[in-house]
């Protein structure tokens, strides 16, 4: 099975890292559960600081992995699945390099060069499923590709997609296919 994995919010803890740094710089006490809109800037008091963090050199490279992600990806690969990371870049000019560096750091024992496609048009990449936290990325998805929405507080109200809640849940879903 070819499994397409979004990086930010599925494999890398983009939001947790962002909120931690944002709170440190602003003194706010935002929690991940407080981010109820896909545009994080609508949920904070200082959207300019937030944007500077997201677009700052080094931000992507320093993200923590999501709980269970490293073992989960390695399990999928050991089971013979074709795992491909499919990710948008940010406005930061180094985000593509940082994503590659991040994958090399965490998966250098799994791949010499991790399979990464950087695109804003994820529907152009073919796979059996796309696991993503942003339902916008399921628009125009090939009908043969199953859309799996990774659950976050900001996508709770989204209907019409099968939800994945954590890495254990994803591994269970894959095993049933």
N, C-alpha and C. Protein backbone atom coordinates (compact mmCIF):
# COMPACT_ATOMS: atom_id res chain seq x y z
N UNK A 1 0.85 -1.17 0.00
CA UNK A 1 0.00 0.00 0.00
C UNK A 1 0.90 1.24 0.00
N UNK A 2 0.60 2.22 -0.83
CA UNK A 2 1.31 3.50 -0.80
C UNK A 2 0.56 4.44 0.13
N UNK A 3 1.25 4.86 1.18
CA UNK A 3 0.67 5.71 2.22
C UNK A 3 1.31 7.09 2.12
N UNK A 4 0.50 8.09 1.82
CA UNK A 4 0.97 9.47 1.73
C UNK A 4 0.76 10.13 3.09
N UNK A 5 1.83 10.64 3.67
CA UNK A 5 1.76 11.25 5.00
C UNK A 5 2.12 12.73 4.93
N UNK A 6 1.21 13.56 5.39
CA UNK A 6 1.55 14.96 5.61
C UNK A 6 2.59 15.00 6.73
N UNK A 7 3.47 15.97 6.70
CA UNK A 7 4.47 16.06 7.77
C UNK A 7 3.94 16.84 8.97
N UNK A 8 3.55 18.10 8.73
CA UNK A 8 3.18 18.99 9.83
C UNK A 8 1.81 18.62 10.39
N UNK A 9 1.79 18.23 11.65
CA UNK A 9 0.53 17.87 12.30
C UNK A 9 0.20 16.40 12.24
N UNK A 10 1.00 15.62 11.50
CA UNK A 10 0.81 14.17 11.41
C UNK A 10 2.07 13.45 11.89
N UNK A 11 3.20 13.84 11.34
CA UNK A 11 4.48 13.24 11.71
C UNK A 11 5.27 14.17 12.63
N UNK A 12 5.27 15.45 12.32
CA UNK A 12 5.97 16.46 13.13
C UNK A 12 4.95 17.30 13.89
N UNK A 13 5.24 17.58 15.14
CA UNK A 13 4.31 18.32 16.01
C UNK A 13 4.44 19.83 15.77
N UNK A 14 3.96 20.26 14.63
CA UNK A 14 4.03 21.66 14.22
C UNK A 14 3.34 22.56 15.24
N UNK A 15 2.09 22.25 15.55
CA UNK A 15 1.30 23.13 16.41
C UNK A 15 1.82 23.16 17.85
N UNK A 16 2.16 22.01 18.40
CA UNK A 16 2.68 21.98 19.77
C UNK A 16 3.94 22.80 19.92
N UNK A 17 4.85 22.66 18.96
CA UNK A 17 6.10 23.42 18.98
C UNK A 17 5.84 24.90 18.79
N UNK A 18 4.95 25.22 17.87
CA UNK A 18 4.63 26.62 17.59
C UNK A 18 4.04 27.30 18.82
N UNK A 19 3.08 26.67 19.45
CA UNK A 19 2.42 27.27 20.62
C UNK A 19 3.40 27.42 21.78
N UNK A 20 4.25 26.45 21.97
CA UNK A 20 5.25 26.53 23.04
C UNK A 20 6.16 27.75 22.84
N UNK A 21 6.67 27.93 21.63
CA UNK A 21 7.54 29.07 21.34
C UNK A 21 6.77 30.38 21.40
N UNK A 22 5.56 30.37 20.86
CA UNK A 22 4.73 31.58 20.87
C UNK A 22 4.47 32.04 22.30
N UNK A 23 4.06 31.13 23.16
CA UNK A 23 3.79 31.48 24.56
C UNK A 23 5.03 32.03 25.25
N UNK A 24 6.18 31.45 24.96
CA UNK A 24 7.43 31.92 25.56
C UNK A 24 7.70 33.37 25.16
N UNK A 25 7.51 33.69 23.89
CA UNK A 25 7.81 35.03 23.40
C UNK A 25 6.77 36.08 23.81
N UNK A 26 5.52 35.67 23.94
CA UNK A 26 4.45 36.64 24.19
C UNK A 26 3.96 36.66 25.63
N UNK A 27 4.25 35.62 26.39
CA UNK A 27 3.73 35.53 27.75
C UNK A 27 2.29 35.04 27.80
N UNK A 28 1.70 34.74 26.64
CA UNK A 28 0.34 34.20 26.62
C UNK A 28 0.38 32.75 27.13
N UNK A 29 -0.77 32.22 27.39
CA UNK A 29 -0.87 30.84 27.89
C UNK A 29 -1.81 30.02 27.01
N UNK A 30 -1.62 30.14 25.70
CA UNK A 30 -2.44 29.40 24.73
C UNK A 30 -2.12 27.91 24.85
N UNK A 31 -3.14 27.10 24.72
CA UNK A 31 -2.96 25.64 24.70
C UNK A 31 -3.37 25.14 23.31
N UNK A 32 -2.83 24.00 22.93
CA UNK A 32 -3.16 23.44 21.61
C UNK A 32 -4.67 23.30 21.46
N UNK A 33 -5.36 22.90 22.52
CA UNK A 33 -6.82 22.73 22.43
C UNK A 33 -7.55 24.05 22.17
N UNK A 34 -6.88 25.19 22.42
CA UNK A 34 -7.48 26.49 22.16
C UNK A 34 -7.45 26.86 20.68
N UNK A 35 -6.69 26.15 19.89
CA UNK A 35 -6.57 26.45 18.46
C UNK A 35 -7.70 25.71 17.73
N UNK A 36 -8.79 26.43 17.54
CA UNK A 36 -10.00 25.82 16.98
C UNK A 36 -10.27 26.27 15.54
N UNK A 37 -9.31 26.92 14.93
CA UNK A 37 -9.44 27.36 13.54
C UNK A 37 -8.18 26.94 12.80
N UNK A 38 -8.32 26.52 11.57
CA UNK A 38 -7.18 26.07 10.78
C UNK A 38 -6.15 27.18 10.62
N UNK A 39 -6.60 28.42 10.62
CA UNK A 39 -5.68 29.56 10.60
C UNK A 39 -5.35 29.92 12.05
N UNK A 40 -4.23 29.41 12.52
CA UNK A 40 -3.82 29.57 13.91
C UNK A 40 -3.80 31.04 14.31
N UNK A 41 -3.48 31.93 13.39
CA UNK A 41 -3.38 33.36 13.71
C UNK A 41 -4.69 33.94 14.21
N UNK A 42 -5.82 33.31 13.91
CA UNK A 42 -7.12 33.80 14.38
C UNK A 42 -7.37 33.45 15.83
N UNK A 43 -6.49 32.63 16.43
CA UNK A 43 -6.71 32.13 17.79
C UNK A 43 -5.69 32.69 18.79
N UNK A 44 -4.86 33.63 18.36
CA UNK A 44 -3.83 34.17 19.24
C UNK A 44 -3.92 35.69 19.28
N UNK A 45 -3.30 36.27 20.29
CA UNK A 45 -3.34 37.73 20.45
C UNK A 45 -2.35 38.48 19.58
N UNK A 46 -1.28 37.81 19.16
CA UNK A 46 -0.22 38.48 18.39
C UNK A 46 0.10 37.67 17.13
N UNK A 47 -0.74 37.82 16.10
CA UNK A 47 -0.53 37.03 14.89
C UNK A 47 0.78 37.34 14.16
N UNK A 48 1.33 38.53 14.36
CA UNK A 48 2.60 38.87 13.69
C UNK A 48 3.75 38.03 14.26
N UNK A 49 3.79 37.91 15.59
CA UNK A 49 4.82 37.06 16.21
C UNK A 49 4.66 35.62 15.75
N UNK A 50 3.43 35.16 15.68
CA UNK A 50 3.16 33.79 15.23
C UNK A 50 3.71 33.57 13.82
N UNK A 51 3.42 34.50 12.93
CA UNK A 51 3.89 34.37 11.54
C UNK A 51 5.42 34.39 11.47
N UNK A 52 6.03 35.24 12.27
CA UNK A 52 7.50 35.29 12.29
C UNK A 52 8.09 33.95 12.74
N UNK A 53 7.46 33.32 13.71
CA UNK A 53 7.92 32.01 14.16
C UNK A 53 7.81 30.98 13.04
N UNK A 54 6.64 30.90 12.43
CA UNK A 54 6.39 29.92 11.37
C UNK A 54 7.38 30.08 10.22
N UNK A 55 7.66 31.33 9.86
CA UNK A 55 8.53 31.61 8.73
C UNK A 55 10.00 31.78 9.11
N UNK A 56 10.31 31.56 10.37
CA UNK A 56 11.68 31.74 10.83
C UNK A 56 12.58 30.58 10.45
N UNK A 57 13.80 30.92 10.08
CA UNK A 57 14.80 29.91 9.76
C UNK A 57 15.03 29.04 10.99
N UNK A 58 14.98 27.73 10.81
CA UNK A 58 15.22 26.78 11.89
C UNK A 58 13.97 26.25 12.56
N UNK A 59 12.82 26.89 12.33
CA UNK A 59 11.60 26.44 13.01
C UNK A 59 11.24 25.00 12.63
N UNK A 60 11.19 24.71 11.36
CA UNK A 60 10.80 23.37 10.89
C UNK A 60 11.81 22.32 11.36
N UNK A 61 13.07 22.63 11.23
CA UNK A 61 14.13 21.68 11.59
C UNK A 61 14.03 21.25 13.05
N UNK A 62 13.53 22.14 13.90
CA UNK A 62 13.51 21.88 15.34
C UNK A 62 12.18 21.35 15.87
N UNK A 63 11.26 20.99 15.01
CA UNK A 63 9.99 20.43 15.47
C UNK A 63 10.20 19.08 16.14
N UNK A 64 9.42 18.83 17.17
CA UNK A 64 9.42 17.52 17.81
C UNK A 64 8.52 16.59 16.98
N UNK A 65 8.79 15.30 17.00
CA UNK A 65 7.88 14.37 16.31
C UNK A 65 6.57 14.23 17.10
N UNK A 66 5.51 13.89 16.40
CA UNK A 66 4.25 13.56 17.05
C UNK A 66 4.46 12.26 17.83
N UNK A 67 3.73 12.12 18.93
CA UNK A 67 3.86 10.91 19.74
C UNK A 67 3.54 9.68 18.89
N UNK A 68 4.47 8.75 18.86
CA UNK A 68 4.28 7.50 18.13
C UNK A 68 4.65 7.55 16.66
N UNK A 69 4.99 8.74 16.14
CA UNK A 69 5.21 8.89 14.70
C UNK A 69 6.44 8.14 14.20
N UNK A 70 7.54 8.25 14.91
CA UNK A 70 8.77 7.62 14.42
C UNK A 70 8.60 6.10 14.37
N UNK A 71 8.14 5.52 15.47
CA UNK A 71 7.90 4.07 15.48
C UNK A 71 6.82 3.68 14.49
N UNK A 72 5.79 4.52 14.35
CA UNK A 72 4.69 4.22 13.43
C UNK A 72 5.16 4.16 11.99
N UNK A 73 5.93 5.15 11.57
CA UNK A 73 6.45 5.16 10.20
C UNK A 73 7.36 3.96 9.98
N UNK A 74 8.23 3.69 10.93
CA UNK A 74 9.14 2.55 10.79
C UNK A 74 8.37 1.23 10.72
N UNK A 75 7.29 1.11 11.47
CA UNK A 75 6.44 -0.09 11.41
C UNK A 75 5.83 -0.24 10.02
N UNK A 76 5.30 0.84 9.47
CA UNK A 76 4.70 0.78 8.13
C UNK A 76 5.73 0.32 7.10
N UNK A 77 6.93 0.85 7.19
CA UNK A 77 7.99 0.48 6.24
C UNK A 77 8.37 -0.99 6.42
N UNK A 78 8.52 -1.44 7.66
CA UNK A 78 8.86 -2.85 7.93
C UNK A 78 7.78 -3.79 7.40
N UNK A 79 6.52 -3.33 7.44
CA UNK A 79 5.42 -4.15 6.94
C UNK A 79 5.36 -4.17 5.41
N UNK A 80 6.24 -3.42 4.77
CA UNK A 80 6.31 -3.44 3.31
C UNK A 80 5.53 -2.34 2.62
N UNK A 81 5.01 -1.39 3.36
CA UNK A 81 4.25 -0.30 2.74
C UNK A 81 5.21 0.73 2.14
N UNK A 82 4.74 1.38 1.11
CA UNK A 82 5.49 2.44 0.44
C UNK A 82 5.04 3.76 1.08
N UNK A 83 5.86 4.31 1.95
CA UNK A 83 5.52 5.54 2.67
C UNK A 83 6.16 6.72 1.94
N UNK A 84 5.33 7.73 1.65
CA UNK A 84 5.81 8.94 1.00
C UNK A 84 5.33 10.13 1.81
N UNK A 85 6.24 11.02 2.17
CA UNK A 85 5.88 12.24 2.87
C UNK A 85 5.48 13.28 1.83
N UNK A 86 4.31 13.88 2.02
CA UNK A 86 3.79 14.88 1.09
C UNK A 86 3.48 16.11 1.92
N UNK A 87 4.18 17.21 1.65
CA UNK A 87 4.07 18.35 2.54
C UNK A 87 4.10 19.66 1.78
N UNK A 88 3.37 20.64 2.31
CA UNK A 88 3.47 22.01 1.83
C UNK A 88 4.73 22.63 2.43
N UNK A 89 5.26 23.60 1.77
CA UNK A 89 6.32 24.39 2.38
C UNK A 89 5.68 25.53 3.16
N UNK A 90 6.50 26.32 3.83
CA UNK A 90 6.01 27.56 4.42
C UNK A 90 6.62 28.69 3.60
N UNK A 91 6.37 29.92 3.99
CA UNK A 91 6.95 31.05 3.28
C UNK A 91 8.44 31.21 3.57
N UNK A 92 8.93 30.49 4.54
CA UNK A 92 10.36 30.53 4.86
C UNK A 92 11.15 29.90 3.71
N UNK A 93 12.16 30.59 3.24
CA UNK A 93 12.91 30.10 2.08
C UNK A 93 13.67 28.81 2.36
N UNK A 94 13.87 28.48 3.63
CA UNK A 94 14.62 27.26 3.96
C UNK A 94 13.71 26.10 4.36
N UNK A 95 12.40 26.27 4.28
CA UNK A 95 11.50 25.23 4.80
C UNK A 95 11.68 23.89 4.09
N UNK A 96 11.89 23.89 2.80
CA UNK A 96 12.09 22.63 2.08
C UNK A 96 13.34 21.90 2.55
N UNK A 97 14.43 22.64 2.69
CA UNK A 97 15.67 22.04 3.19
C UNK A 97 15.49 21.56 4.63
N UNK A 98 14.78 22.33 5.43
CA UNK A 98 14.58 21.95 6.83
C UNK A 98 13.74 20.69 6.95
N UNK A 99 12.75 20.54 6.08
CA UNK A 99 11.94 19.32 6.10
C UNK A 99 12.81 18.11 5.74
N UNK A 100 13.66 18.27 4.74
CA UNK A 100 14.58 17.18 4.38
C UNK A 100 15.53 16.86 5.53
N UNK A 101 16.06 17.91 6.17
CA UNK A 101 16.95 17.71 7.33
C UNK A 101 16.23 17.00 8.46
N UNK A 102 14.98 17.38 8.70
CA UNK A 102 14.18 16.78 9.77
C UNK A 102 14.00 15.28 9.50
N UNK A 103 13.63 14.96 8.28
CA UNK A 103 13.45 13.55 7.91
C UNK A 103 14.76 12.78 8.01
N UNK A 104 15.85 13.39 7.59
CA UNK A 104 17.15 12.72 7.69
C UNK A 104 17.50 12.45 9.15
N UNK A 105 17.25 13.41 10.01
CA UNK A 105 17.56 13.26 11.43
C UNK A 105 16.80 12.09 12.05
N UNK A 106 15.50 12.03 11.76
CA UNK A 106 14.66 11.01 12.40
C UNK A 106 14.60 9.68 11.66
N UNK A 107 14.88 9.68 10.36
CA UNK A 107 14.69 8.45 9.58
C UNK A 107 15.92 8.02 8.78
N UNK A 108 17.10 8.45 9.16
CA UNK A 108 18.30 8.10 8.39
C UNK A 108 18.58 6.60 8.43
N UNK A 109 18.08 5.89 9.43
CA UNK A 109 18.26 4.44 9.48
C UNK A 109 17.21 3.71 8.65
N UNK A 110 16.16 4.42 8.28
CA UNK A 110 15.08 3.83 7.49
C UNK A 110 15.32 4.04 5.99
N UNK A 111 15.75 5.25 5.63
CA UNK A 111 16.02 5.60 4.23
C UNK A 111 17.33 6.36 4.15
N UNK A 112 18.04 6.16 3.05
CA UNK A 112 19.21 7.01 2.80
C UNK A 112 18.73 8.43 2.54
N UNK A 113 17.71 8.54 1.71
CA UNK A 113 17.02 9.82 1.47
C UNK A 113 15.53 9.52 1.58
N UNK A 114 14.88 10.14 2.54
CA UNK A 114 13.44 9.88 2.76
C UNK A 114 12.63 10.38 1.57
N UNK A 115 11.60 9.63 1.18
CA UNK A 115 10.75 10.03 0.05
C UNK A 115 9.87 11.22 0.44
N UNK A 116 10.17 12.38 -0.11
CA UNK A 116 9.47 13.62 0.21
C UNK A 116 9.05 14.33 -1.06
N UNK A 117 7.76 14.69 -1.12
CA UNK A 117 7.23 15.50 -2.20
C UNK A 117 6.75 16.80 -1.57
N UNK A 118 7.32 17.92 -1.99
CA UNK A 118 6.89 19.23 -1.51
C UNK A 118 5.96 19.83 -2.56
N UNK A 119 4.70 20.05 -2.17
CA UNK A 119 3.72 20.58 -3.11
C UNK A 119 2.53 21.16 -2.37
N UNK A 120 1.93 22.18 -2.96
CA UNK A 120 0.66 22.69 -2.46
C UNK A 120 -0.50 21.95 -3.12
N UNK A 121 -0.20 21.07 -4.05
CA UNK A 121 -1.21 20.33 -4.81
C UNK A 121 -1.09 18.84 -4.52
N UNK A 122 -1.45 18.46 -3.31
CA UNK A 122 -1.27 17.08 -2.87
C UNK A 122 -2.10 16.09 -3.68
N UNK A 123 -3.18 16.58 -4.29
CA UNK A 123 -4.03 15.70 -5.09
C UNK A 123 -3.30 15.15 -6.32
N UNK A 124 -2.19 15.77 -6.69
CA UNK A 124 -1.43 15.29 -7.84
C UNK A 124 -0.54 14.09 -7.52
N UNK A 125 -0.35 13.82 -6.23
CA UNK A 125 0.49 12.69 -5.81
C UNK A 125 -0.42 11.48 -5.61
N UNK A 126 -0.06 10.36 -6.22
CA UNK A 126 -0.91 9.17 -6.16
C UNK A 126 -0.53 8.26 -5.01
N UNK A 127 -1.56 7.79 -4.33
CA UNK A 127 -1.35 6.84 -3.24
C UNK A 127 -2.66 6.16 -2.91
N UNK A 128 -2.59 5.16 -2.05
CA UNK A 128 -3.81 4.48 -1.60
C UNK A 128 -4.55 5.29 -0.56
N UNK A 129 -3.80 6.07 0.24
CA UNK A 129 -4.43 6.96 1.21
C UNK A 129 -3.55 8.18 1.43
N UNK A 130 -4.19 9.28 1.79
CA UNK A 130 -3.49 10.51 2.19
C UNK A 130 -3.93 10.81 3.61
N UNK A 131 -2.96 10.89 4.52
CA UNK A 131 -3.22 11.22 5.92
C UNK A 131 -2.80 12.67 6.10
N UNK A 132 -3.78 13.53 6.42
CA UNK A 132 -3.51 14.96 6.50
C UNK A 132 -4.42 15.59 7.55
N UNK A 133 -3.96 16.67 8.16
CA UNK A 133 -4.77 17.37 9.17
C UNK A 133 -5.60 18.49 8.56
N UNK A 134 -5.36 18.83 7.31
CA UNK A 134 -6.07 19.92 6.66
C UNK A 134 -6.99 19.37 5.57
N UNK A 135 -8.30 19.44 5.78
CA UNK A 135 -9.23 18.88 4.79
C UNK A 135 -9.14 19.55 3.42
N UNK A 136 -8.60 20.76 3.37
CA UNK A 136 -8.42 21.44 2.08
C UNK A 136 -7.56 20.60 1.14
N UNK A 137 -6.65 19.82 1.71
CA UNK A 137 -5.74 19.01 0.89
C UNK A 137 -6.42 17.79 0.28
N UNK A 138 -7.66 17.53 0.66
CA UNK A 138 -8.41 16.42 0.07
C UNK A 138 -9.21 16.85 -1.16
N UNK A 139 -9.25 18.15 -1.41
CA UNK A 139 -9.98 18.66 -2.56
C UNK A 139 -9.32 18.14 -3.84
N UNK A 140 -10.12 17.64 -4.74
CA UNK A 140 -9.67 17.09 -6.03
C UNK A 140 -8.83 15.83 -5.89
N UNK A 141 -8.88 15.20 -4.72
CA UNK A 141 -8.13 13.96 -4.51
C UNK A 141 -8.68 12.87 -5.43
N UNK A 142 -7.80 12.10 -6.02
CA UNK A 142 -8.22 10.99 -6.88
C UNK A 142 -9.18 10.09 -6.10
N UNK A 143 -10.29 9.67 -6.71
CA UNK A 143 -11.27 8.83 -5.99
C UNK A 143 -10.69 7.52 -5.46
N UNK A 144 -9.59 7.06 -6.03
CA UNK A 144 -8.99 5.82 -5.55
C UNK A 144 -8.12 6.03 -4.31
N UNK A 145 -7.91 7.29 -3.92
CA UNK A 145 -7.12 7.61 -2.74
C UNK A 145 -8.06 7.89 -1.57
N UNK A 146 -7.91 7.16 -0.49
CA UNK A 146 -8.74 7.37 0.70
C UNK A 146 -8.19 8.55 1.49
N UNK A 147 -9.08 9.50 1.81
CA UNK A 147 -8.71 10.67 2.62
C UNK A 147 -8.88 10.31 4.09
N UNK A 148 -7.81 10.43 4.85
CA UNK A 148 -7.84 10.17 6.29
C UNK A 148 -7.48 11.46 7.02
N UNK A 149 -8.44 12.01 7.73
CA UNK A 149 -8.25 13.29 8.41
C UNK A 149 -7.66 13.07 9.80
N UNK A 150 -6.45 13.57 10.00
CA UNK A 150 -5.78 13.48 11.31
C UNK A 150 -6.45 14.48 12.24
N UNK A 151 -6.98 13.99 13.32
CA UNK A 151 -7.79 14.80 14.23
C UNK A 151 -6.95 15.82 15.00
N UNK A 152 -7.44 17.05 14.98
CA UNK A 152 -6.89 18.16 15.78
C UNK A 152 -8.08 19.03 16.20
N UNK A 153 -7.93 19.83 17.26
CA UNK A 153 -9.04 20.69 17.68
C UNK A 153 -9.54 21.62 16.57
N UNK A 154 -8.67 22.03 15.66
CA UNK A 154 -9.07 22.96 14.61
C UNK A 154 -9.83 22.29 13.46
N UNK A 155 -9.93 20.97 13.44
CA UNK A 155 -10.72 20.34 12.38
C UNK A 155 -11.87 19.50 12.94
N UNK A 156 -12.21 19.72 14.21
CA UNK A 156 -13.25 18.93 14.88
C UNK A 156 -14.60 19.01 14.16
N UNK A 157 -14.93 20.18 13.63
CA UNK A 157 -16.24 20.38 13.00
C UNK A 157 -16.30 19.87 11.56
N UNK A 158 -15.20 19.46 11.01
CA UNK A 158 -15.17 18.99 9.62
C UNK A 158 -15.82 17.61 9.54
N UNK A 159 -16.73 17.46 8.62
CA UNK A 159 -17.44 16.19 8.42
C UNK A 159 -17.08 15.61 7.05
N UNK A 160 -17.38 14.33 6.89
CA UNK A 160 -17.25 13.70 5.58
C UNK A 160 -15.95 12.94 5.34
N UNK A 161 -15.09 12.87 6.35
CA UNK A 161 -13.84 12.14 6.19
C UNK A 161 -13.65 11.19 7.35
N UNK A 162 -13.01 10.08 7.08
CA UNK A 162 -12.66 9.17 8.16
C UNK A 162 -11.55 9.82 8.98
N UNK A 163 -11.68 9.74 10.30
CA UNK A 163 -10.71 10.38 11.20
C UNK A 163 -9.68 9.39 11.71
N UNK A 164 -8.48 9.92 11.87
CA UNK A 164 -7.39 9.19 12.51
C UNK A 164 -7.02 10.02 13.74
N UNK A 165 -6.94 9.35 14.90
CA UNK A 165 -6.72 10.08 16.16
C UNK A 165 -5.29 10.00 16.67
N UNK A 166 -4.56 8.98 16.28
CA UNK A 166 -3.17 8.85 16.72
C UNK A 166 -2.51 7.76 15.88
N UNK A 167 -1.24 7.52 16.15
CA UNK A 167 -0.50 6.56 15.33
C UNK A 167 -0.99 5.13 15.50
N UNK A 168 -1.41 4.78 16.68
CA UNK A 168 -1.97 3.45 16.90
C UNK A 168 -3.21 3.25 16.04
N UNK A 169 -4.05 4.27 16.00
CA UNK A 169 -5.27 4.25 15.19
C UNK A 169 -4.94 4.10 13.70
N UNK A 170 -3.91 4.82 13.24
CA UNK A 170 -3.52 4.70 11.83
C UNK A 170 -3.01 3.30 11.52
N UNK A 171 -2.17 2.76 12.38
CA UNK A 171 -1.65 1.40 12.15
C UNK A 171 -2.78 0.38 12.13
N UNK A 172 -3.78 0.55 12.99
CA UNK A 172 -4.95 -0.34 12.98
C UNK A 172 -5.69 -0.22 11.66
N UNK A 173 -5.90 1.01 11.19
CA UNK A 173 -6.62 1.23 9.93
C UNK A 173 -5.88 0.54 8.79
N UNK A 174 -4.58 0.73 8.72
CA UNK A 174 -3.78 0.12 7.65
C UNK A 174 -3.88 -1.40 7.71
N UNK A 175 -3.84 -1.97 8.90
CA UNK A 175 -3.87 -3.43 9.03
C UNK A 175 -5.20 -4.03 8.57
N UNK A 176 -6.27 -3.22 8.57
CA UNK A 176 -7.59 -3.71 8.14
C UNK A 176 -7.80 -3.60 6.63
N UNK A 177 -6.88 -2.98 5.94
CA UNK A 177 -7.07 -2.78 4.50
C UNK A 177 -6.62 -3.99 3.70
